[in-house]
Amino acid sequence: MADEKTVVMESGVENRTISWGVTPDGKAYVREASKGDLTEMMFDAAERKTTVTFEPTDDYSLVDVADTVEGHADDCFITDFEDALTLWGIPYTRDEKVVPLVA
């Protein structure tokens, strides 16, 4: 995926990243990846990766994603982008992948 931007947030043993960019077919995406104690507790998973993909519009594009991340990185979650896309009436797809905890 071209032109990816990434912000890394670390809090103790929890690591979370927000990445955004353009897919090969020209759609915009935002991805949140996390691993650590909080991911294990909240999602019963060793790692979690959620990607939201959408067609950018004049109302909402990767510029808006960048503004949100740059202004609120530590308090910014994938659901913030889903809420914004819903507010603007922009359809999106959500893909979530988890790596299960090893027992």
N, C-alpha and C. Protein backbone atom coordinates (compact mmCIF):
# COMPACT_ATOMS: atom_id res chain seq x y z
N MET A 1 0.85 -1.17 0.00
CA MET A 1 0.00 0.00 0.00
C MET A 1 0.90 1.23 0.00
N ALA A 2 0.62 2.13 -0.87
CA ALA A 2 1.48 3.29 -1.07
C ALA A 2 1.17 4.42 -0.10
N ASP A 3 2.14 5.27 0.09
CA ASP A 3 1.98 6.50 0.86
C ASP A 3 1.44 6.28 2.27
N GLU A 4 1.91 5.24 2.94
CA GLU A 4 1.40 4.97 4.29
C GLU A 4 2.05 5.91 5.30
N LYS A 5 1.25 6.38 6.22
CA LYS A 5 1.71 7.17 7.36
C LYS A 5 1.37 6.38 8.61
N THR A 6 2.23 6.42 9.61
CA THR A 6 2.00 5.65 10.83
C THR A 6 2.35 6.49 12.05
N VAL A 7 1.52 6.37 13.09
CA VAL A 7 1.79 6.97 14.39
C VAL A 7 1.79 5.83 15.39
N VAL A 8 2.82 5.79 16.25
CA VAL A 8 2.95 4.73 17.25
C VAL A 8 2.68 5.32 18.63
N MET A 9 1.82 4.63 19.38
CA MET A 9 1.53 5.03 20.76
C MET A 9 1.97 3.89 21.67
N GLU A 10 2.79 4.18 22.67
CA GLU A 10 3.22 3.16 23.61
C GLU A 10 2.83 3.58 25.01
N SER A 11 2.26 2.62 25.73
CA SER A 11 1.86 2.87 27.11
C SER A 11 2.22 1.63 27.91
N GLY A 12 3.34 1.67 28.58
CA GLY A 12 3.79 0.49 29.32
C GLY A 12 4.09 -0.64 28.36
N VAL A 13 3.38 -1.77 28.53
CA VAL A 13 3.61 -2.92 27.66
C VAL A 13 2.60 -3.00 26.54
N GLU A 14 1.75 -2.01 26.38
CA GLU A 14 0.77 -1.96 25.29
C GLU A 14 1.31 -1.09 24.17
N ASN A 15 1.30 -1.63 22.95
CA ASN A 15 1.73 -0.87 21.78
C ASN A 15 0.57 -0.79 20.80
N ARG A 16 0.32 0.40 20.28
CA ARG A 16 -0.77 0.59 19.34
C ARG A 16 -0.30 1.51 18.23
N THR A 17 -0.69 1.19 17.00
CA THR A 17 -0.36 2.06 15.87
C THR A 17 -1.63 2.40 15.11
N ILE A 18 -1.62 3.58 14.55
CA ILE A 18 -2.65 4.01 13.60
C ILE A 18 -1.90 4.30 12.31
N SER A 19 -2.30 3.62 11.24
CA SER A 19 -1.69 3.83 9.92
C SER A 19 -2.78 4.21 8.95
N TRP A 20 -2.41 5.00 7.94
CA TRP A 20 -3.38 5.36 6.91
C TRP A 20 -2.66 5.55 5.60
N GLY A 21 -3.41 5.37 4.51
CA GLY A 21 -2.82 5.50 3.19
C GLY A 21 -3.83 5.15 2.11
N VAL A 22 -3.29 4.79 0.95
CA VAL A 22 -4.12 4.50 -0.22
C VAL A 22 -3.84 3.07 -0.67
N THR A 23 -4.88 2.31 -0.94
CA THR A 23 -4.72 0.95 -1.44
C THR A 23 -4.37 1.00 -2.92
N PRO A 24 -3.89 -0.09 -3.49
CA PRO A 24 -3.56 -0.11 -4.92
C PRO A 24 -4.73 0.26 -5.84
N ASP A 25 -5.96 0.00 -5.37
CA ASP A 25 -7.13 0.34 -6.20
C ASP A 25 -7.65 1.75 -5.95
N GLY A 26 -6.90 2.56 -5.20
CA GLY A 26 -7.25 3.96 -5.01
C GLY A 26 -8.16 4.28 -3.84
N LYS A 27 -8.52 3.29 -3.05
CA LYS A 27 -9.35 3.56 -1.87
C LYS A 27 -8.46 4.01 -0.71
N ALA A 28 -9.07 4.72 0.21
CA ALA A 28 -8.37 5.17 1.41
C ALA A 28 -8.55 4.11 2.50
N TYR A 29 -7.56 3.99 3.37
CA TYR A 29 -7.71 3.08 4.49
C TYR A 29 -7.11 3.69 5.75
N VAL A 30 -7.63 3.23 6.88
CA VAL A 30 -7.09 3.54 8.20
C VAL A 30 -6.97 2.20 8.92
N ARG A 31 -5.83 1.96 9.57
CA ARG A 31 -5.62 0.69 10.25
C ARG A 31 -5.15 0.95 11.68
N GLU A 32 -5.75 0.24 12.61
CA GLU A 32 -5.31 0.27 14.00
C GLU A 32 -4.79 -1.12 14.34
N ALA A 33 -3.58 -1.19 14.85
CA ALA A 33 -3.00 -2.46 15.28
C ALA A 33 -2.58 -2.30 16.74
N SER A 34 -2.82 -3.35 17.52
CA SER A 34 -2.44 -3.28 18.93
C SER A 34 -1.97 -4.64 19.42
N LYS A 35 -1.12 -4.59 20.43
CA LYS A 35 -0.69 -5.80 21.13
C LYS A 35 -0.19 -5.39 22.50
N GLY A 36 -0.41 -6.28 23.45
CA GLY A 36 0.01 -6.01 24.81
C GLY A 36 -1.07 -6.41 25.80
N ASP A 37 -0.88 -6.00 27.05
CA ASP A 37 -1.77 -6.39 28.13
C ASP A 37 -3.22 -5.97 27.90
N LEU A 38 -3.43 -4.75 27.44
CA LEU A 38 -4.81 -4.28 27.23
C LEU A 38 -5.50 -5.05 26.10
N THR A 39 -4.78 -5.34 25.03
CA THR A 39 -5.34 -6.12 23.92
C THR A 39 -5.72 -7.51 24.41
N GLU A 40 -4.85 -8.10 25.22
CA GLU A 40 -5.15 -9.42 25.77
C GLU A 40 -6.40 -9.39 26.64
N MET A 41 -6.51 -8.37 27.49
CA MET A 41 -7.64 -8.26 28.41
C MET A 41 -8.94 -7.92 27.67
N MET A 42 -8.90 -6.95 26.76
CA MET A 42 -10.12 -6.46 26.12
C MET A 42 -10.61 -7.35 24.98
N PHE A 43 -9.69 -7.98 24.24
CA PHE A 43 -10.07 -8.73 23.04
C PHE A 43 -9.72 -10.21 23.12
N ASP A 44 -9.15 -10.63 24.25
CA ASP A 44 -8.73 -12.03 24.41
C ASP A 44 -7.86 -12.45 23.23
N ALA A 45 -6.94 -11.57 22.88
CA ALA A 45 -6.08 -11.81 21.71
C ALA A 45 -4.67 -11.29 22.01
N ALA A 46 -3.68 -11.94 21.40
CA ALA A 46 -2.30 -11.49 21.54
C ALA A 46 -2.07 -10.22 20.73
N GLU A 47 -2.68 -10.18 19.54
CA GLU A 47 -2.59 -9.01 18.66
C GLU A 47 -3.93 -8.82 17.97
N ARG A 48 -4.19 -7.57 17.57
CA ARG A 48 -5.43 -7.24 16.88
C ARG A 48 -5.12 -6.19 15.82
N LYS A 49 -5.72 -6.37 14.64
CA LYS A 49 -5.53 -5.40 13.56
C LYS A 49 -6.90 -5.16 12.92
N THR A 50 -7.33 -3.91 12.90
CA THR A 50 -8.60 -3.54 12.30
C THR A 50 -8.34 -2.52 11.21
N THR A 51 -8.91 -2.76 10.02
CA THR A 51 -8.73 -1.87 8.88
C THR A 51 -10.09 -1.41 8.38
N VAL A 52 -10.23 -0.11 8.21
CA VAL A 52 -11.42 0.50 7.63
C VAL A 52 -11.02 1.05 6.27
N THR A 53 -11.78 0.70 5.23
CA THR A 53 -11.49 1.13 3.87
C THR A 53 -12.69 1.90 3.33
N PHE A 54 -12.43 3.02 2.62
CA PHE A 54 -13.52 3.84 2.09
C PHE A 54 -13.06 4.61 0.87
N GLU A 55 -14.06 5.08 0.12
CA GLU A 55 -13.80 5.97 -1.02
C GLU A 55 -13.74 7.40 -0.48
N PRO A 56 -12.61 8.08 -0.60
CA PRO A 56 -12.55 9.45 -0.11
C PRO A 56 -13.48 10.38 -0.90
N THR A 57 -14.00 11.38 -0.22
CA THR A 57 -14.88 12.36 -0.84
C THR A 57 -14.39 13.76 -0.48
N ASP A 58 -15.08 14.77 -0.98
CA ASP A 58 -14.77 16.15 -0.60
C ASP A 58 -15.09 16.38 0.88
N ASP A 59 -16.06 15.62 1.41
CA ASP A 59 -16.45 15.78 2.81
C ASP A 59 -15.49 15.10 3.78
N TYR A 60 -14.91 13.96 3.37
CA TYR A 60 -14.03 13.21 4.27
C TYR A 60 -12.98 12.46 3.46
N SER A 61 -11.71 12.71 3.80
CA SER A 61 -10.61 12.10 3.06
C SER A 61 -9.45 11.80 4.02
N LEU A 62 -8.33 11.39 3.47
CA LEU A 62 -7.16 11.11 4.30
C LEU A 62 -6.60 12.37 4.97
N VAL A 63 -6.89 13.52 4.43
CA VAL A 63 -6.50 14.77 5.09
C VAL A 63 -7.19 14.86 6.45
N ASP A 64 -8.48 14.50 6.49
CA ASP A 64 -9.22 14.52 7.74
C ASP A 64 -8.69 13.46 8.71
N VAL A 65 -8.33 12.30 8.18
CA VAL A 65 -7.75 11.26 9.01
C VAL A 65 -6.45 11.77 9.64
N ALA A 66 -5.58 12.36 8.84
CA ALA A 66 -4.31 12.89 9.34
C ALA A 66 -4.54 13.96 10.40
N ASP A 67 -5.49 14.86 10.16
CA ASP A 67 -5.79 15.91 11.14
C ASP A 67 -6.23 15.31 12.47
N THR A 68 -7.07 14.29 12.41
CA THR A 68 -7.55 13.64 13.63
C THR A 68 -6.40 12.99 14.38
N VAL A 69 -5.57 12.24 13.68
CA VAL A 69 -4.46 11.54 14.33
C VAL A 69 -3.45 12.53 14.89
N GLU A 70 -3.09 13.52 14.11
CA GLU A 70 -2.08 14.48 14.56
C GLU A 70 -2.56 15.30 15.74
N GLY A 71 -3.87 15.53 15.84
CA GLY A 71 -4.41 16.31 16.95
C GLY A 71 -4.75 15.51 18.19
N HIS A 72 -4.95 14.18 18.03
CA HIS A 72 -5.44 13.38 19.16
C HIS A 72 -4.86 11.97 19.17
N ALA A 73 -3.63 11.78 18.78
CA ALA A 73 -3.07 10.44 18.57
C ALA A 73 -3.31 9.50 19.74
N ASP A 74 -3.01 9.91 20.95
CA ASP A 74 -3.16 9.01 22.09
C ASP A 74 -4.61 8.68 22.40
N ASP A 75 -5.52 9.57 22.02
CA ASP A 75 -6.95 9.36 22.28
C ASP A 75 -7.71 9.01 21.02
N CYS A 76 -7.03 8.56 20.00
CA CYS A 76 -7.62 8.29 18.70
C CYS A 76 -7.72 6.78 18.49
N PHE A 77 -8.93 6.31 18.15
CA PHE A 77 -9.16 4.89 17.94
C PHE A 77 -9.88 4.68 16.61
N ILE A 78 -9.85 3.47 16.10
CA ILE A 78 -10.47 3.15 14.80
C ILE A 78 -11.95 3.52 14.80
N THR A 79 -12.60 3.40 15.94
CA THR A 79 -14.02 3.74 16.00
C THR A 79 -14.27 5.23 15.76
N ASP A 80 -13.29 6.08 16.03
CA ASP A 80 -13.44 7.51 15.73
C ASP A 80 -13.61 7.73 14.23
N PHE A 81 -12.88 6.97 13.43
CA PHE A 81 -12.97 7.10 11.97
C PHE A 81 -14.28 6.50 11.46
N GLU A 82 -14.69 5.38 12.05
CA GLU A 82 -15.98 4.79 11.67
C GLU A 82 -17.13 5.75 11.99
N ASP A 83 -17.04 6.40 13.13
CA ASP A 83 -18.07 7.39 13.51
C ASP A 83 -18.11 8.55 12.52
N ALA A 84 -16.94 9.04 12.12
CA ALA A 84 -16.88 10.16 11.17
C ALA A 84 -17.45 9.74 9.81
N LEU A 85 -17.09 8.56 9.35
CA LEU A 85 -17.61 8.08 8.06
C LEU A 85 -19.13 7.92 8.12
N THR A 86 -19.63 7.41 9.22
CA THR A 86 -21.08 7.27 9.40
C THR A 86 -21.74 8.64 9.41
N LEU A 87 -21.15 9.60 10.12
CA LEU A 87 -21.69 10.95 10.19
C LEU A 87 -21.81 11.57 8.80
N TRP A 88 -20.80 11.36 7.95
CA TRP A 88 -20.79 11.93 6.60
C TRP A 88 -21.53 11.06 5.60
N GLY A 89 -22.05 9.92 6.04
CA GLY A 89 -22.80 9.04 5.14
C GLY A 89 -21.92 8.36 4.10
N ILE A 90 -20.67 8.12 4.45
CA ILE A 90 -19.73 7.50 3.52
C ILE A 90 -19.64 6.00 3.84
N PRO A 91 -19.98 5.16 2.88
CA PRO A 91 -19.89 3.71 3.12
C PRO A 91 -18.43 3.29 3.33
N TYR A 92 -18.25 2.30 4.18
CA TYR A 92 -16.91 1.78 4.42
C TYR A 92 -16.99 0.28 4.72
N THR A 93 -15.86 -0.37 4.59
CA THR A 93 -15.77 -1.77 4.99
C THR A 93 -14.83 -1.86 6.17
N ARG A 94 -15.07 -2.86 7.00
CA ARG A 94 -14.26 -3.07 8.20
C ARG A 94 -13.75 -4.50 8.17
N ASP A 95 -12.44 -4.64 8.37
CA ASP A 95 -11.84 -5.96 8.41
C ASP A 95 -11.05 -6.05 9.71
N GLU A 96 -11.34 -7.08 10.51
CA GLU A 96 -10.64 -7.24 11.77
C GLU A 96 -9.97 -8.61 11.80
N LYS A 97 -8.71 -8.60 12.20
CA LYS A 97 -7.95 -9.85 12.34
C LYS A 97 -7.34 -9.88 13.73
N VAL A 98 -7.41 -11.04 14.35
CA VAL A 98 -6.82 -11.21 15.68
C VAL A 98 -5.90 -12.42 15.68
N VAL A 99 -4.87 -12.33 16.50
CA VAL A 99 -3.99 -13.46 16.76
C VAL A 99 -4.38 -13.97 18.14
N PRO A 100 -4.92 -15.18 18.21
CA PRO A 100 -5.39 -15.70 19.50
C PRO A 100 -4.26 -15.84 20.51
N LEU A 101 -4.64 -15.79 21.78
CA LEU A 101 -3.68 -16.05 22.84
C LEU A 101 -3.33 -17.53 22.83
N VAL A 102 -2.08 -17.82 23.11
CA VAL A 102 -1.65 -19.22 23.19
C VAL A 102 -1.85 -19.68 24.63
N ALA A 103 -2.59 -20.74 24.79
CA ALA A 103 -2.89 -21.23 26.14
C ALA A 103 -1.76 -22.06 26.70
